[in-house]
Amino acid sequence: MECNKGTSAMLEWRSRFLAEGALDEQVYDQALRNAEALEQAGVISTAEWIELVKLANSALLVVR
């Protein structure tokens, strides 16, 4: 069950923050805070948190 909860949370995070493919700095900060909250709450693992941070970093670097 925990795996499903983490997977669902990660999918929701991706949908919320990566839907447009690029992040501005304000949304990037929100994405990182949200990912950290998910990890601290035990919804996702540290490895999953690292994956979300990497995705956010990549989205911040997208040239518009």
N, C-alpha and C. Protein backbone atom coordinates (compact mmCIF):
# COMPACT_ATOMS: atom_id res chain seq x y z
N MET A 1 0.82 -1.20 0.00
CA MET A 1 0.00 0.00 0.00
C MET A 1 0.85 1.25 0.00
N GLU A 2 1.94 1.25 0.80
CA GLU A 2 2.81 2.42 0.85
C GLU A 2 3.38 2.73 -0.53
N CYS A 3 3.72 1.71 -1.29
CA CYS A 3 4.27 1.91 -2.63
C CYS A 3 3.26 2.65 -3.51
N ASN A 4 2.00 2.25 -3.42
CA ASN A 4 0.95 2.90 -4.20
C ASN A 4 0.78 4.35 -3.80
N LYS A 5 0.87 4.63 -2.49
CA LYS A 5 0.72 5.99 -1.99
C LYS A 5 1.86 6.86 -2.52
N GLY A 6 3.09 6.36 -2.48
CA GLY A 6 4.24 7.10 -2.98
C GLY A 6 4.16 7.32 -4.48
N THR A 7 3.78 6.28 -5.21
CA THR A 7 3.65 6.39 -6.66
C THR A 7 2.59 7.42 -7.02
N SER A 8 1.47 7.37 -6.34
CA SER A 8 0.40 8.33 -6.59
C SER A 8 0.85 9.75 -6.28
N ALA A 9 1.55 9.92 -5.18
CA ALA A 9 2.04 11.25 -4.80
C ALA A 9 3.03 11.78 -5.83
N MET A 10 3.89 10.92 -6.32
CA MET A 10 4.87 11.34 -7.33
C MET A 10 4.19 11.72 -8.64
N LEU A 11 3.18 10.94 -9.02
CA LEU A 11 2.44 11.27 -10.24
C LEU A 11 1.71 12.60 -10.11
N GLU A 12 1.12 12.84 -8.96
CA GLU A 12 0.44 14.10 -8.72
C GLU A 12 1.43 15.26 -8.74
N TRP A 13 2.61 15.05 -8.13
CA TRP A 13 3.64 16.09 -8.12
C TRP A 13 4.07 16.43 -9.54
N ARG A 14 4.32 15.39 -10.34
CA ARG A 14 4.74 15.61 -11.73
C ARG A 14 3.65 16.35 -12.52
N SER A 15 2.41 15.95 -12.32
CA SER A 15 1.30 16.60 -13.02
C SER A 15 1.19 18.06 -12.62
N ARG A 16 1.36 18.33 -11.35
CA ARG A 16 1.22 19.70 -10.84
C ARG A 16 2.37 20.60 -11.29
N PHE A 17 3.60 20.11 -11.21
CA PHE A 17 4.75 20.98 -11.42
C PHE A 17 5.41 20.84 -12.80
N LEU A 18 5.23 19.73 -13.47
CA LEU A 18 5.94 19.52 -14.73
C LEU A 18 5.03 19.51 -15.95
N ALA A 19 3.79 19.83 -15.78
CA ALA A 19 2.82 19.77 -16.88
C ALA A 19 3.24 20.66 -18.06
N GLU A 20 3.84 21.80 -17.77
CA GLU A 20 4.22 22.73 -18.83
C GLU A 20 5.65 22.51 -19.32
N GLY A 21 6.38 21.62 -18.67
CA GLY A 21 7.72 21.27 -19.11
C GLY A 21 8.83 22.17 -18.61
N ALA A 22 8.52 23.37 -18.14
CA ALA A 22 9.53 24.29 -17.63
C ALA A 22 9.00 24.96 -16.36
N LEU A 23 9.92 25.28 -15.47
CA LEU A 23 9.54 25.94 -14.21
C LEU A 23 10.22 27.30 -14.11
N ASP A 24 9.47 28.30 -13.65
CA ASP A 24 10.15 29.54 -13.29
C ASP A 24 10.63 29.38 -11.85
N GLU A 25 11.40 30.33 -11.36
CA GLU A 25 12.01 30.17 -10.04
C GLU A 25 11.01 30.04 -8.91
N GLN A 26 9.90 30.77 -8.99
CA GLN A 26 8.90 30.71 -7.93
C GLN A 26 8.25 29.32 -7.87
N VAL A 27 7.87 28.78 -9.00
CA VAL A 27 7.24 27.46 -9.04
C VAL A 27 8.27 26.38 -8.69
N TYR A 28 9.51 26.59 -9.10
CA TYR A 28 10.60 25.67 -8.74
C TYR A 28 10.71 25.56 -7.22
N ASP A 29 10.71 26.72 -6.53
CA ASP A 29 10.79 26.71 -5.07
C ASP A 29 9.60 25.97 -4.46
N GLN A 30 8.41 26.19 -5.01
CA GLN A 30 7.22 25.49 -4.52
C GLN A 30 7.35 23.98 -4.72
N ALA A 31 7.88 23.59 -5.88
CA ALA A 31 8.05 22.17 -6.19
C ALA A 31 9.01 21.51 -5.21
N LEU A 32 10.11 22.20 -4.91
CA LEU A 32 11.08 21.64 -3.96
C LEU A 32 10.49 21.53 -2.56
N ARG A 33 9.77 22.57 -2.13
CA ARG A 33 9.15 22.52 -0.79
C ARG A 33 8.12 21.40 -0.72
N ASN A 34 7.35 21.23 -1.77
CA ASN A 34 6.33 20.18 -1.80
C ASN A 34 6.98 18.80 -1.77
N ALA A 35 8.04 18.61 -2.55
CA ALA A 35 8.75 17.33 -2.56
C ALA A 35 9.34 17.03 -1.19
N GLU A 36 9.90 18.05 -0.56
CA GLU A 36 10.47 17.85 0.78
C GLU A 36 9.39 17.48 1.79
N ALA A 37 8.24 18.11 1.69
CA ALA A 37 7.13 17.80 2.61
C ALA A 37 6.68 16.36 2.42
N LEU A 38 6.61 15.90 1.18
CA LEU A 38 6.22 14.51 0.92
C LEU A 38 7.22 13.54 1.54
N GLU A 39 8.51 13.87 1.42
CA GLU A 39 9.55 12.98 1.96
C GLU A 39 9.52 13.00 3.49
N GLN A 40 9.39 14.17 4.08
CA GLN A 40 9.36 14.27 5.53
C GLN A 40 8.13 13.60 6.14
N ALA A 41 7.03 13.59 5.40
CA ALA A 41 5.81 12.95 5.87
C ALA A 41 5.86 11.43 5.69
N GLY A 42 6.90 10.95 5.01
CA GLY A 42 7.03 9.52 4.79
C GLY A 42 6.21 8.99 3.63
N VAL A 43 5.67 9.88 2.83
CA VAL A 43 4.86 9.47 1.68
C VAL A 43 5.76 8.93 0.57
N ILE A 44 6.93 9.56 0.40
CA ILE A 44 7.90 9.08 -0.59
C ILE A 44 9.23 8.82 0.11
N SER A 45 10.06 8.01 -0.50
CA SER A 45 11.37 7.70 0.07
C SER A 45 12.37 8.80 -0.28
N THR A 46 13.53 8.73 0.34
CA THR A 46 14.60 9.68 0.04
C THR A 46 15.02 9.55 -1.42
N ALA A 47 15.09 8.34 -1.92
CA ALA A 47 15.46 8.13 -3.33
C ALA A 47 14.42 8.76 -4.26
N GLU A 48 13.15 8.65 -3.91
CA GLU A 48 12.09 9.27 -4.72
C GLU A 48 12.17 10.79 -4.63
N TRP A 49 12.50 11.31 -3.45
CA TRP A 49 12.67 12.75 -3.28
C TRP A 49 13.80 13.25 -4.18
N ILE A 50 14.90 12.52 -4.22
CA ILE A 50 16.04 12.89 -5.07
C ILE A 50 15.60 12.92 -6.53
N GLU A 51 14.81 11.95 -6.94
CA GLU A 51 14.30 11.92 -8.31
C GLU A 51 13.48 13.17 -8.62
N LEU A 52 12.61 13.58 -7.70
CA LEU A 52 11.79 14.76 -7.92
C LEU A 52 12.64 16.02 -7.98
N VAL A 53 13.66 16.11 -7.14
CA VAL A 53 14.56 17.27 -7.16
C VAL A 53 15.29 17.34 -8.50
N LYS A 54 15.74 16.21 -8.99
CA LYS A 54 16.42 16.18 -10.29
C LYS A 54 15.48 16.62 -11.41
N LEU A 55 14.24 16.17 -11.35
CA LEU A 55 13.26 16.58 -12.36
C LEU A 55 13.01 18.08 -12.30
N ALA A 56 12.89 18.62 -11.09
CA ALA A 56 12.67 20.05 -10.92
C ALA A 56 13.88 20.83 -11.44
N ASN A 57 15.08 20.36 -11.14
CA ASN A 57 16.29 21.02 -11.62
C ASN A 57 16.31 21.06 -13.14
N SER A 58 15.98 19.95 -13.76
CA SER A 58 15.96 19.88 -15.22
C SER A 58 14.93 20.83 -15.81
N ALA A 59 13.76 20.91 -15.17
CA ALA A 59 12.69 21.78 -15.66
C ALA A 59 13.06 23.26 -15.49
N LEU A 60 13.84 23.58 -14.47
CA LEU A 60 14.28 24.96 -14.26
C LEU A 60 15.26 25.37 -15.35
N LEU A 61 16.05 24.42 -15.83
CA LEU A 61 17.08 24.72 -16.81
C LEU A 61 16.58 24.75 -18.26
N VAL A 62 15.31 24.41 -18.47
CA VAL A 62 14.75 24.41 -19.82
C VAL A 62 14.75 25.83 -20.37
N VAL A 63 15.30 25.99 -21.55
CA VAL A 63 15.33 27.30 -22.20
C VAL A 63 13.98 27.54 -22.86
N ARG A 64 13.39 28.67 -22.55
CA ARG A 64 12.07 28.98 -23.11
C ARG A 64 12.20 29.82 -24.33
